[in-house]
PDB file of N, CA and C in Angstrom:
ATOM      1  N   GLN A   1       2.243 -11.512 -17.652  1.00  0.00           N
ATOM      2  CA  GLN A   1       2.660 -10.621 -15.751  1.00  0.00           C
ATOM      3  C   GLN A   1       2.206  -9.935 -15.564  1.00  0.00           C
ATOM      4  N   VAL A   2       2.243 -10.102 -14.351  1.00  0.00           N
ATOM      5  CA  VAL A   2       1.228  -9.014 -13.645  1.00  0.00           C
ATOM      6  C   VAL A   2       2.377  -8.013 -13.059  1.00  0.00           C
ATOM      7  N   GLN A   3       1.930  -6.609 -13.155  1.00  0.00           N
ATOM      8  CA  GLN A   3       3.068  -5.637 -11.948  1.00  0.00           C
ATOM      9  C   GLN A   3       2.010  -4.856 -11.526  1.00  0.00           C
ATOM     10  N   LEU A   4       2.705  -4.674 -10.345  1.00  0.00           N
ATOM     11  CA  LEU A   4       1.736  -3.257  -9.577  1.00  0.00           C
ATOM     12  C   LEU A   4       2.365  -1.948  -9.707  1.00  0.00           C
ATOM     13  N   VAL A   5       1.775  -1.271  -9.690  1.00  0.00           N
ATOM     14  CA  VAL A   5       2.744   0.080  -9.856  1.00  0.00           C
ATOM     15  C   VAL A   5       2.057   1.255  -9.087  1.00  0.00           C
ATOM     16  N   GLU A   6       2.734   1.515  -7.986  1.00  0.00           N
ATOM     17  CA  GLU A   6       2.717   2.036  -7.154  1.00  0.00           C
ATOM     18  C   GLU A   6       2.600   4.511  -7.357  1.00  0.00           C
ATOM     19  N   SER A   7       1.957   4.648  -7.013  1.00  0.00           N
ATOM     20  CA  SER A   7       1.761   6.482  -7.039  1.00  0.00           C
ATOM     21  C   SER A   7       1.502   7.415  -5.786  1.00  0.00           C
ATOM     22  N   GLY A   8       1.716   8.146  -5.772  1.00  0.00           N
ATOM     23  CA  GLY A   8       1.117   9.136  -4.578  1.00  0.00           C
ATOM     24  C   GLY A   8       2.298   9.431  -3.567  1.00  0.00           C
ATOM     25  N   GLY A   9       3.449   8.776  -3.495  1.00  0.00           N
ATOM     26  CA  GLY A   9       4.112   9.179  -3.133  1.00  0.00           C
ATOM     27  C   GLY A   9       4.734  11.018  -2.954  1.00  0.00           C
ATOM     28  N   GLY A  10       5.512  11.310  -1.693  1.00  0.00           N
ATOM     29  CA  GLY A  10       6.758  12.348  -1.852  1.00  0.00           C
ATOM     30  C   GLY A  10       6.825  13.354  -0.711  1.00  0.00           C
ATOM     31  N   TRP A  11       7.031  14.569  -0.511  1.00  0.00           N
ATOM     32  CA  TRP A  11       7.303  14.938   0.635  1.00  0.00           C
ATOM     33  C   TRP A  11       6.246  15.887   1.372  1.00  0.00           C
ATOM     34  N   VAL A  12       6.011  15.688   2.983  1.00  0.00           N
ATOM     35  CA  VAL A  12       4.909  16.527   3.336  1.00  0.00           C
ATOM     36  C   VAL A  12       5.476  17.211   4.398  1.00  0.00           C
ATOM     37  N   GLN A  13       5.067  18.040   5.189  1.00  0.00           N
ATOM     38  CA  GLN A  13       5.707  18.994   6.466  1.00  0.00           C
ATOM     39  C   GLN A  13       4.524  17.400   7.417  1.00  0.00           C
ATOM     40  N   PRO A  14       5.348  17.250   8.713  1.00  0.00           N
ATOM     41  CA  PRO A  14       4.310  16.819   9.875  1.00  0.00           C
ATOM     42  C   PRO A  14       3.086  17.362   9.690  1.00  0.00           C
ATOM     43  N   GLY A  15       1.792  16.415  10.292  1.00  0.00           N
ATOM     44  CA  GLY A  15       0.512  16.985  10.158  1.00  0.00           C
ATOM     45  C   GLY A  15      -0.383  16.975   8.634  1.00  0.00           C
ATOM     46  N   GLY A  16       0.704  16.814   8.140  1.00  0.00           N
ATOM     47  CA  GLY A  16       0.098  16.654   6.040  1.00  0.00           C
ATOM     48  C   GLY A  16      -0.668  15.733   6.178  1.00  0.00           C
ATOM     49  N   SER A  17      -0.892  15.334   4.392  1.00  0.00           N
ATOM     50  CA  SER A  17      -1.723  14.751   4.352  1.00  0.00           C
ATOM     51  C   SER A  17      -1.118  14.140   2.673  1.00  0.00           C
ATOM     52  N   LEU A  18      -1.211  12.480   2.557  1.00  0.00           N
ATOM     53  CA  LEU A  18      -0.604  12.085   1.294  1.00  0.00           C
ATOM     54  C   LEU A  18      -1.871  10.618   0.997  1.00  0.00           C
ATOM     55  N   ARG A  19      -2.138  10.560   0.029  1.00  0.00           N
ATOM     56  CA  ARG A  19      -3.163   9.285  -1.221  1.00  0.00           C
ATOM     57  C   ARG A  19      -1.494   8.872  -1.703  1.00  0.00           C
ATOM     58  N   LEU A  20      -1.368   7.672  -1.674  1.00  0.00           N
ATOM     59  CA  LEU A  20      -1.109   6.706  -2.171  1.00  0.00           C
ATOM     60  C   LEU A  20      -1.949   5.957  -3.530  1.00  0.00           C
ATOM     61  N   SER A  21      -1.574   5.123  -4.398  1.00  0.00           N
ATOM     62  CA  SER A  21      -2.240   4.346  -4.862  1.00  0.00           C
ATOM     63  C   SER A  21      -1.760   3.604  -5.666  1.00  0.00           C
ATOM     64  N   CYS A  22      -1.880   2.069  -5.726  1.00  0.00           N
ATOM     65  CA  CYS A  22      -1.740   0.993  -6.347  1.00  0.00           C
ATOM     66  C   CYS A  22      -2.220   0.303  -7.310  1.00  0.00           C
ATOM     67  N   ALA A  23      -1.834  -0.061  -8.335  1.00  0.00           N
ATOM     68  CA  ALA A  23      -3.099  -0.626  -9.584  1.00  0.00           C
ATOM     69  C   ALA A  23      -2.236  -1.964 -10.199  1.00  0.00           C
ATOM     70  N   ALA A  24      -2.694  -2.785  -9.927  1.00  0.00           N
ATOM     71  CA  ALA A  24      -2.173  -4.506 -10.556  1.00  0.00           C
ATOM     72  C   ALA A  24      -3.140  -4.360 -11.859  1.00  0.00           C
ATOM     73  N   SER A  25      -1.440  -4.585 -13.575  1.00  0.00           N
ATOM     74  CA  SER A  25      -2.083  -5.345 -14.531  1.00  0.00           C
ATOM     75  C   SER A  25      -1.608  -6.162 -14.941  1.00  0.00           C
ATOM     76  N   GLY A  26      -1.991  -6.716 -16.076  1.00  0.00           N
ATOM     77  CA  GLY A  26      -1.910  -8.365 -16.213  1.00  0.00           C
ATOM     78  C   GLY A  26      -3.171  -8.954 -16.681  1.00  0.00           C
ATOM     79  N   ASN A  27      -2.752 -10.520 -16.936  1.00  0.00           N
ATOM     80  CA  ASN A  27      -4.165 -11.468 -17.768  1.00  0.00           C
ATOM     81  C   ASN A  27      -4.200 -11.879 -15.579  1.00  0.00           C
ATOM     82  N   ILE A  28      -5.045 -10.888 -14.861  1.00  0.00           N
ATOM     83  CA  ILE A  28      -5.531 -11.011 -13.443  1.00  0.00           C
ATOM     84  C   ILE A  28      -6.637 -11.473 -13.596  1.00  0.00           C
ATOM     85  N   LEU A  29      -6.898 -12.405 -12.846  1.00  0.00           N
ATOM     86  CA  LEU A  29      -8.993 -13.069 -13.273  1.00  0.00           C
ATOM     87  C   LEU A  29      -9.345 -12.357 -11.427  1.00  0.00           C
ATOM     88  N   SER A  30      -8.475 -12.444 -10.632  1.00  0.00           N
ATOM     89  CA  SER A  30      -8.935 -11.804  -8.983  1.00  0.00           C
ATOM     90  C   SER A  30      -7.628 -11.609  -8.350  1.00  0.00           C
ATOM     91  N   ILE A  31      -7.719 -11.186  -7.723  1.00  0.00           N
ATOM     92  CA  ILE A  31      -6.788 -10.322  -6.319  1.00  0.00           C
ATOM     93  C   ILE A  31      -7.578 -10.358  -4.895  1.00  0.00           C
ATOM     94  N   THR A  32      -7.001 -11.484  -4.278  1.00  0.00           N
ATOM     95  CA  THR A  32      -7.486 -11.877  -3.181  1.00  0.00           C
ATOM     96  C   THR A  32      -7.098 -10.422  -2.272  1.00  0.00           C
ATOM     97  N   THR A  33      -6.340 -10.353  -0.952  1.00  0.00           N
ATOM     98  CA  THR A  33      -5.310  -9.378  -0.429  1.00  0.00           C
ATOM     99  C   THR A  33      -4.406  -8.604  -0.512  1.00  0.00           C
ATOM    100  N   MET A  34      -4.750  -7.207  -0.864  1.00  0.00           N
ATOM    101  CA  MET A  34      -3.782  -5.877  -0.970  1.00  0.00           C
ATOM    102  C   MET A  34      -3.704  -5.586  -0.017  1.00  0.00           C
ATOM    103  N   GLY A  35      -2.483  -4.773   0.142  1.00  0.00           N
ATOM    104  CA  GLY A  35      -1.748  -4.396   1.239  1.00  0.00           C
ATOM    105  C   GLY A  35      -0.649  -3.981   0.999  1.00  0.00           C
ATOM    106  N   TRP A  36      -0.144  -3.048   1.577  1.00  0.00           N
ATOM    107  CA  TRP A  36       0.436  -2.036   1.290  1.00  0.00           C
ATOM    108  C   TRP A  36       2.202  -2.060   2.955  1.00  0.00           C
ATOM    109  N   TYR A  37       3.014  -1.917   2.869  1.00  0.00           N
ATOM    110  CA  TYR A  37       3.899  -2.440   3.463  1.00  0.00           C
ATOM    111  C   TYR A  37       5.088  -1.105   3.537  1.00  0.00           C
ATOM    112  N   ARG A  38       5.817  -0.319   5.001  1.00  0.00           N
ATOM    113  CA  ARG A  38       7.298   0.155   4.565  1.00  0.00           C
ATOM    114  C   ARG A  38       8.018  -0.275   5.320  1.00  0.00           C
ATOM    115  N   GLN A  39       9.449   0.344   4.751  1.00  0.00           N
ATOM    116  CA  GLN A  39      10.473  -0.014   5.183  1.00  0.00           C
ATOM    117  C   GLN A  39      11.349   0.943   5.322  1.00  0.00           C
ATOM    118  N   ALA A  40      11.934   1.907   6.303  1.00  0.00           N
ATOM    119  CA  ALA A  40      12.506   2.497   6.699  1.00  0.00           C
ATOM    120  C   ALA A  40      13.939   2.327   6.890  1.00  0.00           C
ATOM    121  N   PRO A  41      14.826   3.109   6.829  1.00  0.00           N
ATOM    122  CA  PRO A  41      16.116   3.087   6.939  1.00  0.00           C
ATOM    123  C   PRO A  41      16.591   1.705   7.969  1.00  0.00           C
ATOM    124  N   GLY A  42      17.574   0.837   8.200  1.00  0.00           N
ATOM    125  CA  GLY A  42      17.847   0.438   8.717  1.00  0.00           C
ATOM    126  C   GLY A  42      16.886  -0.536   9.274  1.00  0.00           C
ATOM    127  N   LYS A  43      15.974  -0.184   9.052  1.00  0.00           N
ATOM    128  CA  LYS A  43      14.724  -0.829   9.895  1.00  0.00           C
ATOM    129  C   LYS A  43      13.878  -2.385   9.147  1.00  0.00           C
ATOM    130  N   GLN A  44      13.497  -3.396   9.726  1.00  0.00           N
ATOM    131  CA  GLN A  44      13.158  -4.166   8.479  1.00  0.00           C
ATOM    132  C   GLN A  44      11.597  -3.705   8.578  1.00  0.00           C
ATOM    133  N   ARG A  45      11.034  -4.456   7.111  1.00  0.00           N
ATOM    134  CA  ARG A  45       9.867  -3.983   6.445  1.00  0.00           C
ATOM    135  C   ARG A  45       9.061  -4.286   7.797  1.00  0.00           C
ATOM    136  N   GLU A  46       7.762  -3.141   7.595  1.00  0.00           N
ATOM    137  CA  GLU A  46       6.145  -3.660   8.242  1.00  0.00           C
ATOM    138  C   GLU A  46       5.369  -3.643   8.027  1.00  0.00           C
ATOM    139  N   LEU A  47       4.104  -4.390   8.055  1.00  0.00           N
ATOM    140  CA  LEU A  47       3.077  -4.313   7.636  1.00  0.00           C
ATOM    141  C   LEU A  47       2.338  -3.133   7.977  1.00  0.00           C
ATOM    142  N   VAL A  48       1.665  -2.504   6.693  1.00  0.00           N
ATOM    143  CA  VAL A  48       0.300  -0.722   7.474  1.00  0.00           C
ATOM    144  C   VAL A  48      -0.431  -0.977   7.645  1.00  0.00           C
ATOM    145  N   ALA A  49      -1.009  -1.752   6.298  1.00  0.00           N
ATOM    146  CA  ALA A  49      -2.244  -2.117   6.076  1.00  0.00           C
ATOM    147  C   ALA A  49      -3.021  -2.865   5.167  1.00  0.00           C
ATOM    148  N   VAL A  50      -3.313  -3.813   5.593  1.00  0.00           N
ATOM    149  CA  VAL A  50      -3.994  -5.064   4.714  1.00  0.00           C
ATOM    150  C   VAL A  50      -5.256  -4.797   4.557  1.00  0.00           C
ATOM    151  N   ILE A  51      -6.287  -4.781   3.393  1.00  0.00           N
ATOM    152  CA  ILE A  51      -7.168  -5.551   2.951  1.00  0.00           C
ATOM    153  C   ILE A  51      -7.246  -6.394   1.984  1.00  0.00           C
ATOM    154  N   THR A  52      -8.435  -7.332   2.144  1.00  0.00           N
ATOM    155  CA  THR A  52      -8.985  -8.399   1.873  1.00  0.00           C
ATOM    156  C   THR A  52      -9.961  -8.010   0.809  1.00  0.00           C
ATOM    157  N   ARG A  53     -10.587  -9.251   0.217  1.00  0.00           N
ATOM    158  CA  ARG A  53     -11.358  -8.978  -1.178  1.00  0.00           C
ATOM    159  C   ARG A  53     -12.710  -8.785  -0.108  1.00  0.00           C
ATOM    160  N   GLY A  54     -13.295  -9.187   0.886  1.00  0.00           N
ATOM    161  CA  GLY A  54     -14.327  -8.589   1.489  1.00  0.00           C
ATOM    162  C   GLY A  54     -14.264  -7.377   2.171  1.00  0.00           C
ATOM    163  N   ASP A  55     -13.430  -6.818   2.866  1.00  0.00           N
ATOM    164  CA  ASP A  55     -13.079  -5.904   2.836  1.00  0.00           C
ATOM    165  C   ASP A  55     -13.042  -5.953   4.379  1.00  0.00           C
ATOM    166  N   ARG A  56     -12.298  -7.165   4.685  1.00  0.00           N
ATOM    167  CA  ARG A  56     -11.122  -7.391   6.331  1.00  0.00           C
ATOM    168  C   ARG A  56     -10.204  -6.505   6.185  1.00  0.00           C
ATOM    169  N   ILE A  57     -10.421  -5.110   7.011  1.00  0.00           N
ATOM    170  CA  ILE A  57      -9.205  -4.208   6.619  1.00  0.00           C
ATOM    171  C   ILE A  57      -8.443  -5.278   8.191  1.00  0.00           C
ATOM    172  N   ILE A  58      -6.884  -5.123   8.785  1.00  0.00           N
ATOM    173  CA  ILE A  58      -5.813  -4.737   9.268  1.00  0.00           C
ATOM    174  C   ILE A  58      -4.905  -3.549   9.294  1.00  0.00           C
ATOM    175  N   TYR A  59      -4.612  -2.463  10.649  1.00  0.00           N
ATOM    176  CA  TYR A  59      -3.337  -1.646  10.475  1.00  0.00           C
ATOM    177  C   TYR A  59      -2.630  -2.387  12.089  1.00  0.00           C
ATOM    178  N   LEU A  60      -1.769  -1.740  11.193  1.00  0.00           N
ATOM    179  CA  LEU A  60      -0.614  -1.284  12.316  1.00  0.00           C
ATOM    180  C   LEU A  60      -0.758  -0.285  12.879  1.00  0.00           C
ATOM    181  N   PRO A  61      -1.060  -1.031  14.614  1.00  0.00           N
ATOM    182  CA  PRO A  61      -1.148  -0.080  15.372  1.00  0.00           C
ATOM    183  C   PRO A  61      -1.141   1.314  15.985  1.00  0.00           C
ATOM    184  N   SER A  62      -0.063   1.901  15.199  1.00  0.00           N
ATOM    185  CA  SER A  62       0.134   2.722  15.194  1.00  0.00           C
ATOM    186  C   SER A  62      -0.017   3.873  13.922  1.00  0.00           C
ATOM    187  N   VAL A  63      -0.997   3.684  12.821  1.00  0.00           N
ATOM    188  CA  VAL A  63      -1.353   4.010  12.216  1.00  0.00           C
ATOM    189  C   VAL A  63      -2.485   4.018  12.449  1.00  0.00           C
ATOM    190  N   LYS A  64      -4.027   3.320  12.805  1.00  0.00           N
ATOM    191  CA  LYS A  64      -4.644   3.322  13.225  1.00  0.00           C
ATOM    192  C   LYS A  64      -5.241   4.407  13.664  1.00  0.00           C
ATOM    193  N   GLY A  65      -6.791   4.962  12.810  1.00  0.00           N
ATOM    194  CA  GLY A  65      -7.038   6.382  13.141  1.00  0.00           C
ATOM    195  C   GLY A  65      -6.657   7.216  12.601  1.00  0.00           C
ATOM    196  N   ARG A  66      -5.278   7.063  11.610  1.00  0.00           N
ATOM    197  CA  ARG A  66      -4.440   8.010  10.841  1.00  0.00           C
ATOM    198  C   ARG A  66      -4.848   7.406   9.166  1.00  0.00           C
ATOM    199  N   PHE A  67      -4.786   6.049   9.100  1.00  0.00           N
ATOM    200  CA  PHE A  67      -4.733   5.669   8.044  1.00  0.00           C
ATOM    201  C   PHE A  67      -6.297   4.969   7.219  1.00  0.00           C
ATOM    202  N   THR A  68      -6.227   5.287   5.967  1.00  0.00           N
ATOM    203  CA  THR A  68      -7.575   4.141   5.977  1.00  0.00           C
ATOM    204  C   THR A  68      -7.023   3.439   4.910  1.00  0.00           C
ATOM    205  N   ILE A  69      -7.101   2.723   4.562  1.00  0.00           N
ATOM    206  CA  ILE A  69      -6.652   1.602   3.466  1.00  0.00           C
ATOM    207  C   ILE A  69      -7.788   1.906   2.855  1.00  0.00           C
ATOM    208  N   SER A  70      -8.011   1.201   0.834  1.00  0.00           N
ATOM    209  CA  SER A  70      -9.933   0.955   0.676  1.00  0.00           C
ATOM    210  C   SER A  70      -9.274   0.263  -0.808  1.00  0.00           C
ATOM    211  N   ARG A  71     -10.108  -0.143  -1.704  1.00  0.00           N
ATOM    212  CA  ARG A  71      -9.961  -0.917  -2.706  1.00  0.00           C
ATOM    213  C   ARG A  71     -11.271  -0.753  -3.788  1.00  0.00           C
ATOM    214  N   ASP A  72     -10.859  -0.703  -5.387  1.00  0.00           N
ATOM    215  CA  ASP A  72     -11.471  -0.896  -5.789  1.00  0.00           C
ATOM    216  C   ASP A  72     -10.996  -1.803  -7.045  1.00  0.00           C
ATOM    217  N   ASN A  73     -12.436  -2.481  -7.010  1.00  0.00           N
ATOM    218  CA  ASN A  73     -12.077  -4.213  -7.271  1.00  0.00           C
ATOM    219  C   ASN A  73     -11.884  -4.253  -8.656  1.00  0.00           C
ATOM    220  N   PRO A  74     -12.895  -3.737  -9.840  1.00  0.00           N
ATOM    221  CA  PRO A  74     -12.665  -4.177 -11.190  1.00  0.00           C
ATOM    222  C   PRO A  74     -11.209  -3.135 -11.907  1.00  0.00           C
ATOM    223  N   LYS A  75     -11.106  -1.882 -10.785  1.00  0.00           N
ATOM    224  CA  LYS A  75      -9.518  -1.121 -11.176  1.00  0.00           C
ATOM    225  C   LYS A  75      -8.675  -2.217 -10.461  1.00  0.00           C
ATOM    226  N   ASN A  76      -8.849  -3.209  -9.784  1.00  0.00           N
ATOM    227  CA  ASN A  76      -8.020  -3.581  -9.748  1.00  0.00           C
ATOM    228  C   ASN A  76      -6.799  -2.510  -8.880  1.00  0.00           C
ATOM    229  N   THR A  77      -6.989  -1.643  -8.120  1.00  0.00           N
ATOM    230  CA  THR A  77      -6.456  -1.032  -7.084  1.00  0.00           C
ATOM    231  C   THR A  77      -6.700  -0.997  -6.234  1.00  0.00           C
ATOM    232  N   THR A  78      -5.746  -0.388  -5.417  1.00  0.00           N
ATOM    233  CA  THR A  78      -5.856  -0.312  -3.601  1.00  0.00           C
ATOM    234  C   THR A  78      -5.270   1.612  -3.274  1.00  0.00           C
ATOM    235  N   TYR A  79      -5.584   1.906  -2.801  1.00  0.00           N
ATOM    236  CA  TYR A  79      -5.660   3.548  -1.939  1.00  0.00           C
ATOM    237  C   TYR A  79      -5.236   2.864  -0.407  1.00  0.00           C
ATOM    238  N   LEU A  80      -4.016   3.641  -0.407  1.00  0.00           N
ATOM    239  CA  LEU A  80      -3.651   4.373   1.405  1.00  0.00           C
ATOM    240  C   LEU A  80      -3.793   5.916   1.366  1.00  0.00           C
ATOM    241  N   GLU A  81      -4.754   6.370   2.162  1.00  0.00           N
ATOM    242  CA  GLU A  81      -5.375   7.703   2.399  1.00  0.00           C
ATOM    243  C   GLU A  81      -4.470   7.867   3.725  1.00  0.00           C
ATOM    244  N   MET A  82      -2.955   8.266   3.847  1.00  0.00           N
ATOM    245  CA  MET A  82      -2.403   8.982   5.014  1.00  0.00           C
ATOM    246  C   MET A  82      -3.109  10.308   5.708  1.00  0.00           C
ATOM    247  N   ASN A  83      -2.912  10.780   7.007  1.00  0.00           N
ATOM    248  CA  ASN A  83      -4.001  11.823   7.210  1.00  0.00           C
ATOM    249  C   ASN A  83      -2.735  11.792   8.527  1.00  0.00           C
ATOM    250  N   ASN A  84      -2.809  13.197   9.135  1.00  0.00           N
ATOM    251  CA  ASN A  84      -1.913  13.893  10.498  1.00  0.00           C
ATOM    252  C   ASN A  84      -0.181  12.869  10.288  1.00  0.00           C
ATOM    253  N   LEU A  85      -0.037  12.865   8.971  1.00  0.00           N
ATOM    254  CA  LEU A  85       1.737  12.286   9.029  1.00  0.00           C
ATOM    255  C   LEU A  85       2.390  12.919   9.878  1.00  0.00           C
ATOM    256  N   LYS A  86       3.655  11.730  10.243  1.00  0.00           N
ATOM    257  CA  LYS A  86       4.709  11.823  11.378  1.00  0.00           C
ATOM    258  C   LYS A  86       5.858  11.518  10.457  1.00  0.00           C
ATOM    259  N   PRO A  87       6.728  12.210  11.604  1.00  0.00           N
ATOM    260  CA  PRO A  87       7.963  11.900  11.024  1.00  0.00           C
ATOM    261  C   PRO A  87       8.286  10.404  10.920  1.00  0.00           C
ATOM    262  N   GLU A  88       8.295   9.974  11.737  1.00  0.00           N
ATOM    263  CA  GLU A  88       8.467   8.561  12.207  1.00  0.00           C
ATOM    264  C   GLU A  88       7.818   7.543  10.977  1.00  0.00           C
ATOM    265  N   ASP A  89       6.659   8.462   9.643  1.00  0.00           N
ATOM    266  CA  ASP A  89       6.304   7.398   9.192  1.00  0.00           C
ATOM    267  C   ASP A  89       6.969   7.705   7.988  1.00  0.00           C
ATOM    268  N   THR A  90       7.805   8.201   7.622  1.00  0.00           N
ATOM    269  CA  THR A  90       8.891   8.146   6.344  1.00  0.00           C
ATOM    270  C   THR A  90       9.238   7.118   6.154  1.00  0.00           C
ATOM    271  N   ALA A  91       9.345   6.867   5.257  1.00  0.00           N
ATOM    272  CA  ALA A  91       9.849   5.118   4.283  1.00  0.00           C
ATOM    273  C   ALA A  91       9.617   4.909   3.077  1.00  0.00           C
ATOM    274  N   VAL A  92      10.084   4.016   2.201  1.00  0.00           N
ATOM    275  CA  VAL A  92       9.788   3.431   1.209  1.00  0.00           C
ATOM    276  C   VAL A  92       8.144   2.439   1.479  1.00  0.00           C
ATOM    277  N   TYR A  93       7.001   3.013   0.667  1.00  0.00           N
ATOM    278  CA  TYR A  93       6.285   2.901   0.719  1.00  0.00           C
ATOM    279  C   TYR A  93       5.952   0.977  -0.250  1.00  0.00           C
ATOM    280  N   LEU A  94       5.083   0.123  -0.013  1.00  0.00           N
ATOM    281  CA  LEU A  94       5.030  -0.922  -1.167  1.00  0.00           C
ATOM    282  C   LEU A  94       4.386  -1.608  -1.067  1.00  0.00           C
ATOM    283  N   CYS A  95       3.516  -1.932  -2.729  1.00  0.00           N
ATOM    284  CA  CYS A  95       2.261  -2.476  -2.479  1.00  0.00           C
ATOM    285  C   CYS A  95       2.272  -3.859  -2.744  1.00  0.00           C
ATOM    286  N   ASN A  96       1.571  -4.269  -2.405  1.00  0.00           N
ATOM    287  CA  ASN A  96       1.630  -5.809  -1.816  1.00  0.00           C
ATOM    288  C   ASN A  96       0.386  -6.906  -2.143  1.00  0.00           C
ATOM    289  N   ALA A  97       0.353  -8.038  -3.136  1.00  0.00           N
ATOM    290  CA  ALA A  97      -0.658  -8.231  -3.913  1.00  0.00           C
ATOM    291  C   ALA A  97      -1.029  -9.822  -3.782  1.00  0.00           C
ATOM    292  N   ASP A  98      -1.668 -10.307  -3.326  1.00  0.00           N
ATOM    293  CA  ASP A  98      -2.038 -11.631  -3.713  1.00  0.00           C
ATOM    294  C   ASP A  98      -2.889 -11.974  -4.950  1.00  0.00           C
ATOM    295  N   VAL A  99      -2.558 -12.663  -5.917  1.00  0.00           N
ATOM    296  CA  VAL A  99      -3.282 -12.569  -7.473  1.00  0.00           C
ATOM    297  C   VAL A  99      -3.439 -13.343  -8.445  1.00  0.00           C
ATOM    298  N   VAL A 100      -4.282 -13.728  -8.802  1.00  0.00           N
ATOM    299  CA  VAL A 100      -4.805 -15.297  -9.508  1.00  0.00           C
ATOM    300  C   VAL A 100      -4.799 -14.651 -10.704  1.00  0.00           C
ATOM    301  N   THR A 101      -3.555 -15.463 -11.435  1.00  0.00           N
ATOM    302  CA  THR A 101      -4.364 -15.778 -12.760  1.00  0.00           C
ATOM    303  C   THR A 101      -4.443 -16.852 -14.106  1.00  0.00           C
ATOM    304  N   THR A 102      -4.465 -16.662 -14.871  1.00  0.00           N
ATOM    305  CA  THR A 102      -4.759 -18.498 -15.486  1.00  0.00           C
ATOM    306  C   THR A 102      -3.244 -19.206 -15.239  1.00  0.00           C
ATOM    307  N   LEU A 103      -2.711 -18.789 -15.308  1.00  0.00           N
ATOM    308  CA  LEU A 103      -1.657 -19.977 -14.458  1.00  0.00           C
ATOM    309  C   LEU A 103      -1.500 -20.130 -13.455  1.00  0.00           C
ATOM    310  N   HIS A 104      -1.412 -19.181 -12.536  1.00  0.00           N
ATOM    311  CA  HIS A 104      -0.953 -19.792 -11.017  1.00  0.00           C
ATOM    312  C   HIS A 104      -1.594 -18.650  -9.973  1.00  0.00           C
ATOM    313  N   SER A 105      -1.266 -18.031  -9.147  1.00  0.00           N
ATOM    314  CA  SER A 105      -2.257 -17.924  -7.906  1.00  0.00           C
ATOM    315  C   SER A 105      -0.214 -17.004  -7.060  1.00  0.00           C
ATOM    316  N   ARG A 106      -0.236 -15.922  -6.666  1.00  0.00           N
ATOM    317  CA  ARG A 106       1.048 -15.954  -7.161  1.00  0.00           C
ATOM    318  C   ARG A 106       0.988 -14.290  -6.050  1.00  0.00           C
ATOM    319  N   ASN A 107       2.354 -14.236  -5.062  1.00  0.00           N
ATOM    320  CA  ASN A 107       2.318 -12.894  -4.565  1.00  0.00           C
ATOM    321  C   ASN A 107       3.412 -12.545  -5.400  1.00  0.00           C
ATOM    322  N   TYR A 108       2.727 -10.736  -5.366  1.00  0.00           N
ATOM    323  CA  TYR A 108       3.595  -9.859  -5.769  1.00  0.00           C
ATOM    324  C   TYR A 108       3.982  -8.560  -5.829  1.00  0.00           C
ATOM    325  N   TRP A 109       4.945  -8.037  -5.554  1.00  0.00           N
ATOM    326  CA  TRP A 109       5.457  -6.690  -4.855  1.00  0.00           C
ATOM    327  C   TRP A 109       5.118  -5.466  -5.874  1.00  0.00           C
ATOM    328  N   GLY A 110       5.207  -4.479  -5.764  1.00  0.00           N
ATOM    329  CA  GLY A 110       5.553  -3.230  -6.482  1.00  0.00           C
ATOM    330  C   GLY A 110       6.448  -2.519  -6.343  1.00  0.00           C
ATOM    331  N   GLN A 111       7.034  -1.544  -6.374  1.00  0.00           N
ATOM    332  CA  GLN A 111       9.085  -1.106  -6.797  1.00  0.00           C
ATOM    333  C   GLN A 111       8.820  -0.115  -5.103  1.00  0.00           C
ATOM    334  N   GLY A 112       7.521   0.245  -5.113  1.00  0.00           N
ATOM    335  CA  GLY A 112       8.062   1.085  -3.824  1.00  0.00           C
ATOM    336  C   GLY A 112       7.333   2.533  -3.994  1.00  0.00           C
ATOM    337  N   THR A 113       7.237   3.412  -3.273  1.00  0.00           N
ATOM    338  CA  THR A 113       7.493   4.703  -3.155  1.00  0.00           C
ATOM    339  C   THR A 113       7.622   5.552  -1.979  1.00  0.00           C
ATOM    340  N   GLN A 114       8.370   6.558  -2.242  1.00  0.00           N
ATOM    341  CA  GLN A 114       9.008   7.265  -1.106  1.00  0.00           C
ATOM    342  C   GLN A 114       8.400   7.879  -0.201  1.00  0.00           C
ATOM    343  N   VAL A 115       7.980   8.180   0.842  1.00  0.00           N
ATOM    344  CA  VAL A 115       7.383   8.915   1.800  1.00  0.00           C
ATOM    345  C   VAL A 115       7.721   9.393   2.901  1.00  0.00           C
ATOM    346  N   THR A 116       8.141  10.880   2.235  1.00  0.00           N
ATOM    347  CA  THR A 116       9.341  11.758   3.864  1.00  0.00           C
ATOM    348  C   THR A 116       8.516  12.840   4.132  1.00  0.00           C
ATOM    349  N   VAL A 117       8.399  12.640   5.125  1.00  0.00           N
ATOM    350  CA  VAL A 117       7.680  13.492   6.800  1.00  0.00           C
ATOM    351  C   VAL A 117       8.686  14.454   7.262  1.00  0.00           C
ATOM    352  N   SER A 118       9.260  15.269   6.783  1.00  0.00           N
ATOM    353  CA  SER A 118       9.812  16.693   7.562  1.00  0.00           C
ATOM    354  C   SER A 118       9.575  17.675   7.597  1.00  0.00           C
ATOM    355  N   SER A 119      10.119  18.733   8.838  1.00  0.00           N
ATOM    356  CA  SER A 119       9.670  20.442   8.020  1.00  0.00           C
ATOM    357  C   SER A 119      10.948  21.310   8.147  1.00  0.00           C
TER     358      SER A 119
END
């Protein structure tokens, strides 16, 4: 069984920063792509950033230059550094990963962590 556990969310004023972490655990052989999505109330889930095992990265245009995604492969962990946060960044942030185990290759989601940006 594979689990993704996020941490680091919270409340911050506009212009502030937060760092999210997502650690994968279980019988993991490798993780190909890891990424962050977000979902605000009444809106569709959207891709925020994704990073491949070879460190190819894609960002949502509205966060490019403010957010930085990274990963630590030996720790099966991905991070999302968020700077200059804006109220429109308020959402539940969810970790996603394509995980290879001894039994199968599957896509997994974390439970989500709330990020609130307001004054």
